[in-house]
Amino acid sequence: MSATAVCEEHGQVRRERRPCAIATGVTLGQVLTRAHEGVDAYGATDCPVCGGVMERAGVQAACAGCGSRLS
């Protein structure tokens, strides 16, 4: 994955190779499973995308902060 940086002074675009997140040893599947379990057990959990509050919305869960959904 690469990031794009724009130099405003010269209008140049350069691409940098860097990780998008700190490696924690936790897989995406594990993060989503924990979110599902939190919603099932408590009706709400931390949003795995933005860290906001994700609450049960029918058979899904929705984040009030970023609009992400778990189904």
PDB file of N, CA and C in Angstrom:
ATOM      1  N   MET A   1       0.849  -1.161   0.000  1.00  0.00           N
ATOM      2  CA  MET A   1       0.000   0.000   0.000  1.00  0.00           C
ATOM      3  C   MET A   1       0.895   1.224   0.000  1.00  0.00           C
ATOM      4  N   SER A   2       0.509   2.244  -0.703  1.00  0.00           N
ATOM      5  CA  SER A   2       1.310   3.451  -0.725  1.00  0.00           C
ATOM      6  C   SER A   2       0.444   4.654  -0.394  1.00  0.00           C
ATOM      7  N   ALA A   3       1.091   5.674   0.122  1.00  0.00           N
ATOM      8  CA  ALA A   3       0.401   6.909   0.455  1.00  0.00           C
ATOM      9  C   ALA A   3       0.847   7.980  -0.522  1.00  0.00           C
ATOM     10  N   THR A   4       0.012   8.965  -0.724  1.00  0.00           N
ATOM     11  CA  THR A   4       0.335  10.043  -1.636  1.00  0.00           C
ATOM     12  C   THR A   4       0.526  11.318  -0.840  1.00  0.00           C
ATOM     13  N   ALA A   5       1.603  12.016  -1.092  1.00  0.00           N
ATOM     14  CA  ALA A   5       1.868  13.300  -0.451  1.00  0.00           C
ATOM     15  C   ALA A   5       2.036  14.347  -1.531  1.00  0.00           C
ATOM     16  N   VAL A   6       1.454  15.509  -1.321  1.00  0.00           N
ATOM     17  CA  VAL A   6       1.558  16.584  -2.299  1.00  0.00           C
ATOM     18  C   VAL A   6       2.356  17.716  -1.674  1.00  0.00           C
ATOM     19  N   CYS A   7       3.392  18.140  -2.365  1.00  0.00           N
ATOM     20  CA  CYS A   7       4.188  19.280  -1.934  1.00  0.00           C
ATOM     21  C   CYS A   7       3.473  20.535  -2.445  1.00  0.00           C
ATOM     22  N   GLU A   8       2.879  21.313  -1.540  1.00  0.00           N
ATOM     23  CA  GLU A   8       2.097  22.473  -1.954  1.00  0.00           C
ATOM     24  C   GLU A   8       2.961  23.555  -2.589  1.00  0.00           C
ATOM     25  N   GLU A   9       4.182  23.684  -2.156  1.00  0.00           N
ATOM     26  CA  GLU A   9       5.062  24.727  -2.688  1.00  0.00           C
ATOM     27  C   GLU A   9       5.379  24.507  -4.154  1.00  0.00           C
ATOM     28  N   HIS A  10       5.630  23.266  -4.554  1.00  0.00           N
ATOM     29  CA  HIS A  10       6.018  22.963  -5.927  1.00  0.00           C
ATOM     30  C   HIS A  10       4.940  22.221  -6.697  1.00  0.00           C
ATOM     31  N   GLY A  11       3.852  21.833  -6.040  1.00  0.00           N
ATOM     32  CA  GLY A  11       2.780  21.106  -6.707  1.00  0.00           C
ATOM     33  C   GLY A  11       3.182  19.712  -7.156  1.00  0.00           C
ATOM     34  N   GLN A  12       4.210  19.161  -6.549  1.00  0.00           N
ATOM     35  CA  GLN A  12       4.691  17.836  -6.929  1.00  0.00           C
ATOM     36  C   GLN A  12       3.973  16.763  -6.116  1.00  0.00           C
ATOM     37  N   VAL A  13       3.758  15.631  -6.748  1.00  0.00           N
ATOM     38  CA  VAL A  13       3.151  14.489  -6.073  1.00  0.00           C
ATOM     39  C   VAL A  13       4.210  13.419  -5.931  1.00  0.00           C
ATOM     40  N   ARG A  14       4.327  12.863  -4.740  1.00  0.00           N
ATOM     41  CA  ARG A  14       5.266  11.758  -4.549  1.00  0.00           C
ATOM     42  C   ARG A  14       4.553  10.656  -3.795  1.00  0.00           C
ATOM     43  N   ARG A  15       4.961   9.460  -4.022  1.00  0.00           N
ATOM     44  CA  ARG A  15       4.351   8.309  -3.366  1.00  0.00           C
ATOM     45  C   ARG A  15       5.350   7.720  -2.375  1.00  0.00           C
ATOM     46  N   GLU A  16       4.825   7.399  -1.212  1.00  0.00           N
ATOM     47  CA  GLU A  16       5.649   6.802  -0.161  1.00  0.00           C
ATOM     48  C   GLU A  16       5.103   5.431   0.173  1.00  0.00           C
ATOM     49  N   ARG A  17       5.976   4.512   0.434  1.00  0.00           N
ATOM     50  CA  ARG A  17       5.550   3.188   0.864  1.00  0.00           C
ATOM     51  C   ARG A  17       5.664   3.145   2.369  1.00  0.00           C
ATOM     52  N   ARG A  18       4.533   2.980   3.011  1.00  0.00           N
ATOM     53  CA  ARG A  18       4.521   2.896   4.464  1.00  0.00           C
ATOM     54  C   ARG A  18       3.301   2.104   4.902  1.00  0.00           C
ATOM     55  N   PRO A  19       3.362   1.504   6.078  1.00  0.00           N
ATOM     56  CA  PRO A  19       2.215   0.726   6.547  1.00  0.00           C
ATOM     57  C   PRO A  19       1.055   1.646   6.876  1.00  0.00           C
ATOM     58  N   CYS A  20      -0.165   1.156   6.671  1.00  0.00           N
ATOM     59  CA  CYS A  20      -1.342   1.965   6.957  1.00  0.00           C
ATOM     60  C   CYS A  20      -1.759   1.866   8.419  1.00  0.00           C
ATOM     61  N   ALA A  21      -1.201   0.937   9.159  1.00  0.00           N
ATOM     62  CA  ALA A  21      -1.537   0.799  10.579  1.00  0.00           C
ATOM     63  C   ALA A  21      -0.390   0.093  11.294  1.00  0.00           C
ATOM     64  N   ILE A  22      -0.370   0.214  12.574  1.00  0.00           N
ATOM     65  CA  ILE A  22       0.639  -0.463  13.381  1.00  0.00           C
ATOM     66  C   ILE A  22       0.270  -1.943  13.460  1.00  0.00           C
ATOM     67  N   ALA A  23       1.227  -2.800  13.204  1.00  0.00           N
ATOM     68  CA  ALA A  23       0.971  -4.243  13.242  1.00  0.00           C
ATOM     69  C   ALA A  23       0.672  -4.671  14.678  1.00  0.00           C
ATOM     70  N   THR A  24      -0.460  -5.317  14.889  1.00  0.00           N
ATOM     71  CA  THR A  24      -0.844  -5.763  16.226  1.00  0.00           C
ATOM     72  C   THR A  24      -0.943  -7.269  16.330  1.00  0.00           C
ATOM     73  N   GLY A  25      -0.856  -7.970  15.203  1.00  0.00           N
ATOM     74  CA  GLY A  25      -1.001  -9.415  15.224  1.00  0.00           C
ATOM     75  C   GLY A  25      -2.444  -9.870  15.223  1.00  0.00           C
ATOM     76  N   VAL A  26      -3.380  -8.935  15.129  1.00  0.00           N
ATOM     77  CA  VAL A  26      -4.809  -9.253  15.102  1.00  0.00           C
ATOM     78  C   VAL A  26      -5.285  -9.147  13.659  1.00  0.00           C
ATOM     79  N   THR A  27      -6.000 -10.154  13.209  1.00  0.00           N
ATOM     80  CA  THR A  27      -6.484 -10.147  11.826  1.00  0.00           C
ATOM     81  C   THR A  27      -7.773  -9.331  11.709  1.00  0.00           C
ATOM     82  N   LEU A  28      -8.090  -8.943  10.489  1.00  0.00           N
ATOM     83  CA  LEU A  28      -9.334  -8.231  10.235  1.00  0.00           C
ATOM     84  C   LEU A  28     -10.529  -9.074  10.668  1.00  0.00           C
ATOM     85  N   GLY A  29     -10.478 -10.357  10.393  1.00  0.00           N
ATOM     86  CA  GLY A  29     -11.549 -11.258  10.803  1.00  0.00           C
ATOM     87  C   GLY A  29     -11.761 -11.250  12.311  1.00  0.00           C
ATOM     88  N   GLN A  30     -10.677 -11.221  13.072  1.00  0.00           N
ATOM     89  CA  GLN A  30     -10.776 -11.186  14.529  1.00  0.00           C
ATOM     90  C   GLN A  30     -11.382  -9.865  15.016  1.00  0.00           C
ATOM     91  N   VAL A  31     -10.987  -8.767  14.386  1.00  0.00           N
ATOM     92  CA  VAL A  31     -11.529  -7.458  14.760  1.00  0.00           C
ATOM     93  C   VAL A  31     -13.038  -7.428  14.530  1.00  0.00           C
ATOM     94  N   LEU A  32     -13.474  -7.920  13.373  1.00  0.00           N
ATOM     95  CA  LEU A  32     -14.902  -7.918  13.054  1.00  0.00           C
ATOM     96  C   LEU A  32     -15.684  -8.881  13.938  1.00  0.00           C
ATOM     97  N   THR A  33     -15.105 -10.030  14.241  1.00  0.00           N
ATOM     98  CA  THR A  33     -15.753 -10.992  15.143  1.00  0.00           C
ATOM     99  C   THR A  33     -15.951 -10.385  16.522  1.00  0.00           C
ATOM    100  N   ARG A  34     -14.937  -9.696  17.030  1.00  0.00           N
ATOM    101  CA  ARG A  34     -15.051  -9.050  18.342  1.00  0.00           C
ATOM    102  C   ARG A  34     -16.136  -7.977  18.331  1.00  0.00           C
ATOM    103  N   ALA A  35     -16.220  -7.235  17.246  1.00  0.00           N
ATOM    104  CA  ALA A  35     -17.256  -6.205  17.141  1.00  0.00           C
ATOM    105  C   ALA A  35     -18.641  -6.843  17.153  1.00  0.00           C
ATOM    106  N   HIS A  36     -18.809  -7.924  16.381  1.00  0.00           N
ATOM    107  CA  HIS A  36     -20.097  -8.641  16.377  1.00  0.00           C
ATOM    108  C   HIS A  36     -20.426  -9.155  17.772  1.00  0.00           C
ATOM    109  N   GLU A  37     -19.450  -9.733  18.442  1.00  0.00           N
ATOM    110  CA  GLU A  37     -19.675 -10.281  19.781  1.00  0.00           C
ATOM    111  C   GLU A  37     -20.051  -9.186  20.762  1.00  0.00           C
ATOM    112  N   GLY A  38     -19.422  -8.030  20.662  1.00  0.00           N
ATOM    113  CA  GLY A  38     -19.729  -6.914  21.549  1.00  0.00           C
ATOM    114  C   GLY A  38     -21.145  -6.410  21.353  1.00  0.00           C
ATOM    115  N   VAL A  39     -21.564  -6.296  20.107  1.00  0.00           N
ATOM    116  CA  VAL A  39     -22.931  -5.846  19.815  1.00  0.00           C
ATOM    117  C   VAL A  39     -23.938  -6.890  20.294  1.00  0.00           C
ATOM    118  N   ASP A  40     -23.644  -8.160  20.046  1.00  0.00           N
ATOM    119  CA  ASP A  40     -24.556  -9.223  20.482  1.00  0.00           C
ATOM    120  C   ASP A  40     -24.683  -9.266  22.000  1.00  0.00           C
ATOM    121  N   ALA A  41     -23.584  -9.102  22.708  1.00  0.00           N
ATOM    122  CA  ALA A  41     -23.589  -9.225  24.162  1.00  0.00           C
ATOM    123  C   ALA A  41     -24.101  -7.970  24.867  1.00  0.00           C
ATOM    124  N   TYR A  42     -23.741  -6.788  24.368  1.00  0.00           N
ATOM    125  CA  TYR A  42     -24.019  -5.547  25.089  1.00  0.00           C
ATOM    126  C   TYR A  42     -24.911  -4.556  24.339  1.00  0.00           C
ATOM    127  N   GLY A  43     -25.196  -4.837  23.070  1.00  0.00           N
ATOM    128  CA  GLY A  43     -26.003  -3.920  22.275  1.00  0.00           C
ATOM    129  C   GLY A  43     -25.206  -2.785  21.669  1.00  0.00           C
ATOM    130  N   ALA A  44     -23.935  -2.671  22.049  1.00  0.00           N
ATOM    131  CA  ALA A  44     -23.065  -1.626  21.515  1.00  0.00           C
ATOM    132  C   ALA A  44     -21.614  -2.053  21.697  1.00  0.00           C
ATOM    133  N   THR A  45     -20.733  -1.493  20.880  1.00  0.00           N
ATOM    134  CA  THR A  45     -19.302  -1.769  20.966  1.00  0.00           C
ATOM    135  C   THR A  45     -18.539  -0.636  20.305  1.00  0.00           C
ATOM    136  N   ASP A  46     -17.231  -0.650  20.412  1.00  0.00           N
ATOM    137  CA  ASP A  46     -16.404   0.332  19.709  1.00  0.00           C
ATOM    138  C   ASP A  46     -16.409   0.017  18.223  1.00  0.00           C
ATOM    139  N   CYS A  47     -16.526   1.040  17.400  1.00  0.00           N
ATOM    140  CA  CYS A  47     -16.481   0.854  15.956  1.00  0.00           C
ATOM    141  C   CYS A  47     -15.065   0.459  15.551  1.00  0.00           C
ATOM    142  N   PRO A  48     -14.901  -0.621  14.779  1.00  0.00           N
ATOM    143  CA  PRO A  48     -13.571  -1.036  14.363  1.00  0.00           C
ATOM    144  C   PRO A  48     -12.948  -0.097  13.324  1.00  0.00           C
ATOM    145  N   VAL A  49     -13.728   0.820  12.754  1.00  0.00           N
ATOM    146  CA  VAL A  49     -13.205   1.748  11.752  1.00  0.00           C
ATOM    147  C   VAL A  49     -12.736   3.049  12.387  1.00  0.00           C
ATOM    148  N   CYS A  50     -13.624   3.699  13.168  1.00  0.00           N
ATOM    149  CA  CYS A  50     -13.287   5.029  13.688  1.00  0.00           C
ATOM    150  C   CYS A  50     -13.153   5.090  15.202  1.00  0.00           C
ATOM    151  N   GLY A  51     -13.562   4.032  15.912  1.00  0.00           N
ATOM    152  CA  GLY A  51     -13.490   4.030  17.365  1.00  0.00           C
ATOM    153  C   GLY A  51     -14.712   4.643  18.039  1.00  0.00           C
ATOM    154  N   GLY A  52     -15.672   5.095  17.248  1.00  0.00           N
ATOM    155  CA  GLY A  52     -16.916   5.639  17.797  1.00  0.00           C
ATOM    156  C   GLY A  52     -17.786   4.538  18.369  1.00  0.00           C
ATOM    157  N   VAL A  53     -19.033   4.848  18.634  1.00  0.00           N
ATOM    158  CA  VAL A  53     -19.956   3.872  19.205  1.00  0.00           C
ATOM    159  C   VAL A  53     -20.759   3.213  18.096  1.00  0.00           C
ATOM    160  N   MET A  54     -20.697   1.896  18.063  1.00  0.00           N
ATOM    161  CA  MET A  54     -21.466   1.107  17.108  1.00  0.00           C
ATOM    162  C   MET A  54     -22.575   0.420  17.888  1.00  0.00           C
ATOM    163  N   GLU A  55     -23.828   0.672  17.472  1.00  0.00           N
ATOM    164  CA  GLU A  55     -24.985   0.122  18.179  1.00  0.00           C
ATOM    165  C   GLU A  55     -25.806  -0.771  17.269  1.00  0.00           C
ATOM    166  N   ARG A  56     -26.548  -1.665  17.911  1.00  0.00           N
ATOM    167  CA  ARG A  56     -27.431  -2.563  17.173  1.00  0.00           C
ATOM    168  C   ARG A  56     -28.476  -1.740  16.432  1.00  0.00           C
ATOM    169  N   ALA A  57     -28.694  -2.111  15.171  1.00  0.00           N
ATOM    170  CA  ALA A  57     -29.716  -1.474  14.332  1.00  0.00           C
ATOM    171  C   ALA A  57     -30.444  -2.596  13.601  1.00  0.00           C
ATOM    172  N   GLY A  58     -31.449  -3.163  14.246  1.00  0.00           N
ATOM    173  CA  GLY A  58     -32.139  -4.325  13.681  1.00  0.00           C
ATOM    174  C   GLY A  58     -31.227  -5.529  13.741  1.00  0.00           C
ATOM    175  N   VAL A  59     -31.010  -6.188  12.607  1.00  0.00           N
ATOM    176  CA  VAL A  59     -30.111  -7.344  12.563  1.00  0.00           C
ATOM    177  C   VAL A  59     -28.684  -6.929  12.260  1.00  0.00           C
ATOM    178  N   GLN A  60     -28.463  -5.649  12.043  1.00  0.00           N
ATOM    179  CA  GLN A  60     -27.138  -5.118  11.768  1.00  0.00           C
ATOM    180  C   GLN A  60     -26.670  -4.282  12.951  1.00  0.00           C
ATOM    181  N   ALA A  61     -25.468  -3.742  12.825  1.00  0.00           N
ATOM    182  CA  ALA A  61     -24.959  -2.763  13.775  1.00  0.00           C
ATOM    183  C   ALA A  61     -24.465  -1.586  12.950  1.00  0.00           C
ATOM    184  N   ALA A  62     -24.659  -0.372  13.474  1.00  0.00           N
ATOM    185  CA  ALA A  62     -24.268   0.826  12.740  1.00  0.00           C
ATOM    186  C   ALA A  62     -23.506   1.770  13.656  1.00  0.00           C
ATOM    187  N   CYS A  63     -22.519   2.443  13.084  1.00  0.00           N
ATOM    188  CA  CYS A  63     -21.737   3.428  13.812  1.00  0.00           C
ATOM    189  C   CYS A  63     -22.344   4.810  13.587  1.00  0.00           C
ATOM    190  N   ALA A  64     -22.604   5.513  14.677  1.00  0.00           N
ATOM    191  CA  ALA A  64     -23.152   6.874  14.578  1.00  0.00           C
ATOM    192  C   ALA A  64     -22.089   7.855  14.101  1.00  0.00           C
ATOM    193  N   GLY A  65     -20.808   7.536  14.302  1.00  0.00           N
ATOM    194  CA  GLY A  65     -19.743   8.449  13.934  1.00  0.00           C
ATOM    195  C   GLY A  65     -19.401   8.451  12.453  1.00  0.00           C
ATOM    196  N   CYS A  66     -19.153   7.260  11.898  1.00  0.00           N
ATOM    197  CA  CYS A  66     -18.677   7.199  10.515  1.00  0.00           C
ATOM    198  C   CYS A  66     -19.655   6.513   9.563  1.00  0.00           C
ATOM    199  N   GLY A  67     -20.726   5.921  10.105  1.00  0.00           N
ATOM    200  CA  GLY A  67     -21.724   5.280   9.250  1.00  0.00           C
ATOM    201  C   GLY A  67     -21.397   3.850   8.855  1.00  0.00           C
ATOM    202  N   SER A  68     -20.303   3.290   9.357  1.00  0.00           N
ATOM    203  CA  SER A  68     -19.963   1.897   9.054  1.00  0.00           C
ATOM    204  C   SER A  68     -21.051   0.970   9.564  1.00  0.00           C
ATOM    205  N   ARG A  69     -21.214  -0.158   8.887  1.00  0.00           N
ATOM    206  CA  ARG A  69     -22.239  -1.150   9.277  1.00  0.00           C
ATOM    207  C   ARG A  69     -21.641  -2.539   9.339  1.00  0.00           C
ATOM    208  N   LEU A  70     -22.113  -3.302  10.310  1.00  0.00           N
ATOM    209  CA  LEU A  70     -21.824  -4.738  10.393  1.00  0.00           C
ATOM    210  C   LEU A  70     -23.118  -5.462  10.103  1.00  0.00           C
ATOM    211  N   SER A  71     -23.035  -6.481   9.276  1.00  0.00           N
ATOM    212  CA  SER A  71     -24.254  -7.251   8.984  1.00  0.00           C
ATOM    213  C   SER A  71     -24.009  -8.726   9.191  1.00  0.00           C
TER     214      SER A  71
END
